[in-house]
Amino acid sequence: MDDAVVLRSSGPVAYVTLHNPRSRNALTWHMYDQLASSCAAINDDPEIRVVVVRGAAGTFAAGTDIRQFVDFSSGEDGVAYERQVAEVMAAMDALRVPAVAVVEGFAVGAGLAIAVHCDLVVATPDAVFGAPVARTLGNCLPPQLVARLYATCGRARTLEMLLTARTIGADEAHDAGIVHAVVEPQALEMHLKSLVDDVVRCAPLTLAAIKEIDRRLARNDAVAADDLFRLCYGSADFREGVSAFLGKRSPIWTGR
């Protein structure tokens, strides 16, 4: 199967690989389901002390696979999709062990969401972060992702990035607080091993407690956004965005 989320473990380390190389590891519905299942399996395995999340074939994840949107016919499809993504991100948030994202290449849209739901992010200099939906598809972003970006980057930087549909490189993402370390490709595996070893040496219950404290500090009342999902996903502009993306042309926005 081309599109898959592959889970394997080696001793105390779980490895989650996003695999859809024909679409730069963009996530399909099947992959979202497998990512949630992988999180549940990790939580059920008491031997796991840390999880490493990365993409196949030299890139992280370029959002959601756009072909999944072709059959959307109304805003309700967008609501259902965003609820599914929210459930998957909640599963990542509920991981009892630290999660390390290894970002090479694109981490945009859903890829950005997955990266910022990890506790530590290591990136190579070619990494690209962002959620340029205002320029590409004309859909919407979940409030939970925007809130997490606020907490990480600050409101001003987040809004500038989202309202201009700008992506940022690894160094700017490091300055913004998204990335823990920028590492050259030839040193990546050694750096990752050292980081993972440092986590594994720590007391598991202490790490679990720190993660729970982080969750409690970050938790806000759920923000209702179904009306905004309907507005964007039910629009002619969204259908134009999907068509233009798949047709490799620039979209023509009408505001309808």
Protein backbone atom coordinates (compact mmCIF):
# COMPACT_ATOMS: atom_id res chain seq x y z
CA MET A 1 0.00 0.00 0.00
CA ASP A 2 1.45 3.37 -1.04
CA ASP A 3 -0.34 5.36 1.65
CA ALA A 4 0.33 4.10 5.14
CA VAL A 5 1.52 5.03 8.60
CA VAL A 6 4.08 2.43 9.61
CA LEU A 7 4.68 1.69 13.30
CA ARG A 8 7.67 -0.32 14.50
CA SER A 9 9.57 -0.45 17.74
CA SER A 10 13.15 -1.08 18.74
CA GLY A 11 13.53 -1.59 22.47
CA PRO A 12 12.09 1.47 24.23
CA VAL A 13 11.76 3.51 21.02
CA ALA A 14 8.70 3.53 18.76
CA TYR A 15 9.11 4.76 15.20
CA VAL A 16 6.13 6.18 13.32
CA THR A 17 6.74 6.74 9.60
CA LEU A 18 4.37 8.69 7.36
CA HIS A 19 4.48 6.95 3.98
CA ASN A 20 2.83 8.34 0.85
CA PRO A 21 5.85 9.26 -1.27
CA ARG A 22 3.96 9.96 -4.49
CA SER A 23 2.31 12.91 -2.69
CA ARG A 24 5.23 13.95 -0.43
CA ASN A 25 3.63 11.94 2.39
CA ALA A 26 0.40 13.94 2.33
CA LEU A 27 -2.11 12.14 4.55
CA THR A 28 -5.07 10.16 3.26
CA TRP A 29 -8.10 9.22 5.37
CA HIS A 30 -6.51 5.79 5.77
CA MET A 31 -3.30 7.33 7.10
CA TYR A 32 -5.16 9.52 9.59
CA ASP A 33 -6.86 6.39 10.97
CA GLN A 34 -3.53 4.55 11.16
CA LEU A 35 -1.86 7.48 12.93
CA ALA A 36 -4.54 7.45 15.63
CA SER A 37 -4.23 3.66 15.95
CA SER A 38 -0.44 3.96 16.23
CA CYS A 39 -0.81 6.41 19.12
CA ALA A 40 -3.16 4.01 20.90
CA ALA A 41 -0.75 1.10 20.38
CA ILE A 42 2.15 3.13 21.78
CA ASN A 43 0.15 4.03 24.87
CA ASP A 44 -0.74 0.36 25.37
CA ASP A 45 2.90 -0.77 25.29
CA PRO A 46 4.56 -0.16 28.69
CA GLU A 47 8.01 -0.78 27.21
CA ILE A 48 7.89 2.29 24.96
CA ARG A 49 9.65 5.33 26.43
CA VAL A 50 9.80 7.69 23.43
CA VAL A 51 8.33 7.93 19.92
CA VAL A 52 10.02 9.28 16.79
CA VAL A 53 7.76 10.60 14.02
CA ARG A 54 9.18 11.16 10.54
CA GLY A 55 8.29 10.97 6.87
CA ALA A 56 9.47 8.59 4.20
CA ALA A 57 11.68 9.45 1.24
CA GLY A 58 13.29 12.59 2.62
CA THR A 59 10.25 14.73 3.44
CA PHE A 60 7.88 14.98 6.40
CA ALA A 61 4.29 15.56 5.23
CA ALA A 62 2.79 17.95 2.70
CA GLY A 63 -0.63 18.34 4.31
CA THR A 64 -3.67 16.25 3.48
CA ASP A 65 -3.69 14.42 0.14
CA ILE A 66 -5.73 16.84 -2.03
CA ARG A 67 -7.34 14.00 -3.96
CA GLN A 68 -9.31 13.28 -0.79
CA PHE A 69 -11.19 16.56 -1.29
CA VAL A 70 -12.45 16.01 -4.83
CA ASP A 71 -15.67 14.36 -3.64
CA PHE A 72 -16.53 17.08 -1.11
CA SER A 73 -19.95 18.45 -2.04
CA SER A 74 -20.86 20.70 0.89
CA GLY A 75 -19.55 22.41 3.97
CA GLU A 76 -20.68 19.43 6.05
CA ASP A 77 -17.93 17.36 4.43
CA GLY A 78 -15.44 19.92 5.74
CA VAL A 79 -16.91 19.75 9.23
CA ALA A 80 -16.60 15.94 9.25
CA TYR A 81 -13.02 16.13 7.96
CA GLU A 82 -11.93 18.69 10.54
CA ARG A 83 -13.51 16.66 13.33
CA GLN A 84 -11.57 13.59 12.18
CA VAL A 85 -8.31 15.52 12.10
CA ALA A 86 -9.04 16.97 15.56
CA GLU A 87 -9.52 13.44 16.92
CA VAL A 88 -6.19 12.33 15.47
CA MET A 89 -4.37 15.37 16.88
CA ALA A 90 -6.01 14.68 20.25
CA ALA A 91 -4.61 11.14 20.08
CA MET A 92 -1.15 12.57 19.47
CA ASP A 93 -1.64 15.02 22.31
CA ALA A 94 -2.57 12.14 24.61
CA LEU A 95 0.65 10.19 24.02
CA ARG A 96 2.01 9.26 27.44
CA VAL A 97 5.64 9.39 26.24
CA PRO A 98 7.63 12.21 24.66
CA ALA A 99 7.31 12.50 20.87
CA VAL A 100 10.13 13.71 18.64
CA ALA A 101 9.38 14.92 15.11
CA VAL A 102 12.17 14.65 12.55
CA VAL A 103 11.36 17.13 9.80
CA GLU A 104 13.06 16.96 6.44
CA GLY A 105 11.51 18.84 3.54
CA PHE A 106 7.88 19.89 3.80
CA ALA A 107 5.88 20.05 7.04
CA VAL A 108 2.88 22.04 5.86
CA GLY A 109 -0.83 21.91 6.67
CA ALA A 110 -1.45 18.60 8.41
CA GLY A 111 2.31 18.05 8.42
CA LEU A 112 2.74 21.23 10.44
CA ALA A 113 -0.04 20.12 12.79
CA ILE A 114 1.65 16.77 13.40
CA ALA A 115 5.03 18.41 13.98
CA VAL A 116 3.76 20.95 16.52
CA HIS A 117 1.84 18.22 18.35
CA CYS A 118 5.19 16.56 19.04
CA ASP A 119 7.18 17.65 22.08
CA LEU A 120 10.50 18.16 20.32
CA VAL A 121 11.15 18.96 16.66
CA VAL A 122 14.48 18.37 14.95
CA ALA A 123 14.79 19.75 11.41
CA THR A 124 17.26 19.68 8.56
CA PRO A 125 18.12 23.00 6.87
CA ASP A 126 15.82 22.23 3.91
CA ALA A 127 12.73 21.94 6.15
CA VAL A 128 9.72 24.11 5.28
CA PHE A 129 6.90 24.87 7.72
CA GLY A 130 3.55 26.56 7.21
CA ALA A 131 -0.16 26.34 6.53
CA PRO A 132 -0.66 28.33 3.30
CA VAL A 133 -4.30 27.34 2.78
CA ALA A 134 -5.31 30.95 2.09
CA ARG A 135 -3.16 30.76 -1.05
CA THR A 136 -3.68 27.15 -2.10
CA LEU A 137 -7.07 25.58 -1.28
CA GLY A 138 -9.15 28.27 0.36
CA ASN A 139 -10.27 25.94 3.15
CA CYS A 140 -9.88 26.48 6.91
CA LEU A 141 -7.62 25.70 9.84
CA PRO A 142 -8.73 24.15 13.13
CA PRO A 143 -8.70 26.51 16.12
CA GLN A 144 -6.62 23.97 18.05
CA LEU A 145 -3.75 24.32 15.56
CA VAL A 146 -3.93 28.12 15.59
CA ALA A 147 -3.93 28.09 19.41
CA ARG A 148 -0.89 25.81 19.47
CA LEU A 149 0.92 28.10 17.04
CA TYR A 150 0.01 31.10 19.24
CA ALA A 151 1.52 29.30 22.23
CA THR A 152 4.64 28.37 20.27
CA CYS A 153 5.29 31.34 17.96
CA GLY A 154 3.18 34.10 19.44
CA ARG A 155 0.05 35.69 17.99
CA ALA A 156 1.78 38.29 15.80
CA ARG A 157 4.12 35.87 14.03
CA THR A 158 1.37 33.26 13.64
CA LEU A 159 -1.10 35.68 12.09
CA GLU A 160 1.53 37.12 9.77
CA MET A 161 2.36 33.62 8.54
CA LEU A 162 -1.28 32.54 8.13
CA LEU A 163 -2.73 35.77 6.71
CA THR A 164 0.00 36.05 4.08
CA ALA A 165 0.04 32.26 3.42
CA ARG A 166 3.80 32.35 3.93
CA THR A 167 5.94 29.32 4.65
CA ILE A 168 9.09 29.57 6.75
CA GLY A 169 12.40 27.76 6.65
CA ALA A 170 14.14 25.77 9.33
CA ASP A 171 16.13 28.66 10.81
CA GLU A 172 13.08 30.92 11.13
CA ALA A 173 11.09 28.02 12.59
CA HIS A 174 13.89 27.59 15.13
CA ASP A 175 13.77 31.28 16.01
CA ALA A 176 9.97 31.03 16.32
CA GLY A 177 10.19 28.13 18.77
CA ILE A 178 8.71 25.45 16.51
CA VAL A 179 12.04 23.68 16.03
CA HIS A 180 14.25 22.42 18.85
CA ALA A 181 17.39 22.05 16.71
CA VAL A 182 18.46 22.47 13.08
CA VAL A 183 20.87 19.70 12.14
CA GLU A 184 22.80 19.04 8.92
CA PRO A 185 21.69 15.86 7.12
CA GLN A 186 24.98 14.06 7.69
CA ALA A 187 24.68 14.58 11.46
CA LEU A 188 20.94 13.93 11.73
CA GLU A 189 20.93 10.27 12.77
CA MET A 190 23.66 10.76 15.38
CA HIS A 191 21.85 13.80 16.82
CA LEU A 192 18.57 11.90 16.90
CA LYS A 193 20.14 8.92 18.66
CA SER A 194 21.71 11.18 21.29
CA LEU A 195 18.38 12.99 21.86
CA VAL A 196 16.43 9.74 22.13
CA ASP A 197 19.01 8.26 24.49
CA ASP A 198 18.73 11.34 26.72
CA VAL A 199 14.94 10.92 26.91
CA VAL A 200 15.14 7.18 27.59
CA ARG A 201 17.51 7.78 30.51
CA CYS A 202 14.91 9.91 32.27
CA ALA A 203 12.31 8.71 34.80
CA PRO A 204 9.20 7.67 32.83
CA LEU A 205 6.71 8.87 35.42
CA THR A 206 8.40 12.25 35.67
CA LEU A 207 8.22 12.66 31.89
CA ALA A 208 4.58 11.57 31.89
CA ALA A 209 3.85 14.12 34.62
CA ILE A 210 5.61 16.90 32.70
CA LYS A 211 3.58 16.07 29.60
CA GLU A 212 0.36 16.16 31.63
CA ILE A 213 1.32 19.52 33.14
CA ASP A 214 1.97 20.82 29.62
CA ARG A 215 -1.45 19.56 28.49
CA ARG A 216 -3.19 21.21 31.43
CA LEU A 217 -1.42 24.53 30.88
CA ALA A 218 -2.28 24.50 27.17
CA ARG A 219 -5.88 23.34 27.55
CA ASN A 220 -8.53 25.89 26.68
CA ASP A 221 -12.26 25.58 26.28
CA ALA A 222 -13.08 24.06 22.90
CA VAL A 223 -13.70 26.73 20.28
CA ALA A 224 -16.69 26.04 18.06
CA ALA A 225 -15.80 26.49 14.40
CA ASP A 226 -18.25 24.30 12.46
CA ASP A 227 -19.83 27.42 10.93
CA LEU A 228 -16.44 28.50 9.60
CA PHE A 229 -15.69 25.02 8.25
CA ARG A 230 -19.04 25.06 6.41
CA LEU A 231 -18.32 28.54 5.03
CA CYS A 232 -14.93 27.54 3.59
CA TYR A 233 -15.44 23.92 2.56
CA GLY A 234 -18.89 24.66 1.11
CA SER A 235 -17.64 27.50 -1.07
CA ALA A 236 -16.98 27.70 -4.78
CA ASP A 237 -13.52 29.02 -3.88
CA PHE A 238 -12.65 25.74 -2.12
CA ARG A 239 -13.76 23.69 -5.14
CA GLU A 240 -11.69 26.04 -7.31
CA GLY A 241 -8.70 25.62 -4.99
CA VAL A 242 -8.81 21.81 -5.18
CA SER A 243 -9.26 21.90 -8.97
CA ALA A 244 -6.42 24.38 -9.42
CA PHE A 245 -4.08 22.45 -7.14
CA LEU A 246 -4.65 19.18 -8.97
CA GLY A 247 -4.47 20.98 -12.32
CA LYS A 248 -1.17 22.64 -11.35
CA ARG A 249 -2.44 26.17 -11.96
CA SER A 250 -3.08 29.25 -9.85
CA PRO A 251 -6.59 29.47 -8.36
CA ILE A 252 -8.92 32.31 -9.26
CA TRP A 253 -10.66 33.42 -6.07
CA THR A 254 -14.16 34.95 -6.21
CA GLY A 255 -15.05 35.18 -2.54
CA ARG A 256 -18.05 32.89 -3.04
